[in-house]
């Protein structure tokens, strides 16, 4: 029974580690998204910092990436950026964020 408990604890630790890593990757991706959108909107450094925080906070509205997508889509509506391009950029920046933690 001891080896079963050890194995169970090992899986729980791995799960917790994976969840923490995913949270960090998402937060980093959102930071990169905030920087990207800020450049498109010609924000000054103070506005950029504030905007990055708003993108990171938007991710807490619901599970998944749809909340962040809706925010940046709304913020870029004047720029007429296609949904496909936004999703592609989100994926690209997610991969960049993953490499930051490897």
Protein backbone atom coordinates (compact mmCIF):
# COMPACT_ATOMS: atom_id res chain seq x y z
CA UNK A 1 0.00 0.00 0.00
CA UNK A 2 2.90 2.34 0.65
CA UNK A 3 4.09 2.28 -2.97
CA UNK A 4 0.53 3.11 -4.10
CA UNK A 5 0.46 6.15 -1.79
CA UNK A 6 3.91 7.22 -3.01
CA UNK A 7 2.76 6.94 -6.59
CA UNK A 8 -0.41 8.88 -5.83
CA UNK A 9 1.57 11.69 -4.18
CA UNK A 10 3.94 11.74 -7.14
CA UNK A 11 1.05 12.19 -9.58
CA UNK A 12 -0.46 14.92 -7.41
CA UNK A 13 2.85 16.80 -7.32
CA UNK A 14 3.23 16.50 -11.09
CA UNK A 15 -0.32 17.73 -11.62
CA UNK A 16 0.25 20.72 -9.33
CA UNK A 17 3.53 21.51 -11.10
CA UNK A 18 1.90 21.27 -14.54
CA UNK A 19 -0.95 23.54 -13.47
CA UNK A 20 1.45 26.13 -12.07
CA UNK A 21 3.52 26.02 -15.23
CA UNK A 22 0.43 26.47 -17.42
CA UNK A 23 -0.62 29.47 -15.33
CA UNK A 24 2.82 31.05 -15.76
CA UNK A 25 2.83 30.38 -19.52
CA UNK A 26 -0.64 31.93 -19.90
CA UNK A 27 0.34 34.99 -17.90
CA UNK A 28 3.50 35.43 -19.96
CA UNK A 29 1.56 35.00 -23.21
CA UNK A 30 -0.92 37.63 -22.04
CA UNK A 31 1.96 39.97 -21.27
CA UNK A 32 3.30 39.49 -24.79
CA UNK A 33 -0.20 40.03 -26.22
CA UNK A 34 -0.51 43.23 -24.23
CA UNK A 35 2.81 44.46 -25.60
CA UNK A 36 1.80 43.58 -29.16
CA UNK A 37 -1.59 45.30 -28.96
CA UNK A 38 -0.04 48.32 -27.22
CA UNK A 39 2.37 48.77 -30.12
CA UNK A 40 -0.49 48.58 -32.61
CA UNK A 41 -2.39 51.21 -30.64
CA UNK A 42 0.71 53.43 -30.24
CA UNK A 43 0.50 53.50 -26.44
CA UNK A 44 3.12 55.31 -24.41
CA UNK A 45 5.05 53.26 -21.81
CA UNK A 46 2.61 54.08 -18.98
CA UNK A 47 -0.41 53.19 -21.11
CA UNK A 48 1.34 50.00 -22.23
CA UNK A 49 2.02 48.91 -18.65
CA UNK A 50 -1.61 49.56 -17.70
CA UNK A 51 -2.88 47.76 -20.79
CA UNK A 52 -0.72 44.68 -20.17
CA UNK A 53 -2.22 44.43 -16.69
CA UNK A 54 -5.73 44.69 -18.14
CA UNK A 55 -5.03 41.80 -20.56
CA UNK A 56 -3.64 39.65 -17.74
CA UNK A 57 -6.70 40.43 -15.59
CA UNK A 58 -9.06 39.67 -18.48
CA UNK A 59 -7.85 36.07 -18.41
CA UNK A 60 -9.47 35.59 -14.99
CA UNK A 61 -13.00 36.24 -16.33
CA UNK A 62 -13.55 32.62 -17.39
CA UNK A 63 -11.70 29.41 -18.09
CA UNK A 64 -9.86 29.20 -21.39
CA UNK A 65 -8.61 31.88 -23.74
CA UNK A 66 -11.92 33.20 -25.05
CA UNK A 67 -12.01 36.04 -22.50
CA UNK A 68 -8.60 37.33 -23.61
CA UNK A 69 -9.53 36.90 -27.27
CA UNK A 70 -12.70 38.97 -26.82
CA UNK A 71 -10.79 41.72 -25.06
CA UNK A 72 -8.07 42.13 -27.67
CA UNK A 73 -10.61 41.78 -30.50
CA UNK A 74 -12.67 44.60 -29.01
CA UNK A 75 -9.59 46.75 -28.40
CA UNK A 76 -8.41 46.25 -31.98
CA UNK A 77 -11.78 46.66 -33.70
CA UNK A 78 -10.66 49.95 -35.29
CA UNK A 79 -7.65 48.16 -36.79
CA UNK A 80 -9.84 45.52 -38.51
CA UNK A 81 -7.57 42.63 -37.53
CA UNK A 82 -9.18 39.35 -38.67
CA UNK A 83 -10.07 36.80 -35.97
CA UNK A 84 -7.80 34.25 -37.64
CA UNK A 85 -4.82 36.61 -37.32
CA UNK A 86 -5.58 37.25 -33.64
CA UNK A 87 -5.78 33.53 -32.89
CA UNK A 88 -2.59 32.88 -34.84
CA UNK A 89 -0.80 35.60 -32.86
CA UNK A 90 -2.12 34.18 -29.59
CA UNK A 91 -0.80 30.73 -30.56
CA UNK A 92 2.55 32.18 -31.64
CA UNK A 93 2.98 34.10 -28.39
CA UNK A 94 1.89 31.07 -26.37
CA UNK A 95 4.69 29.05 -27.97
CA UNK A 96 7.13 31.88 -27.23
CA UNK A 97 5.98 31.92 -23.59
CA UNK A 98 6.46 28.15 -23.34
CA UNK A 99 10.07 28.44 -24.48
CA UNK A 100 10.65 31.04 -21.74
CA UNK A 101 10.04 28.31 -19.15
CA UNK A 102 12.04 25.48 -20.76
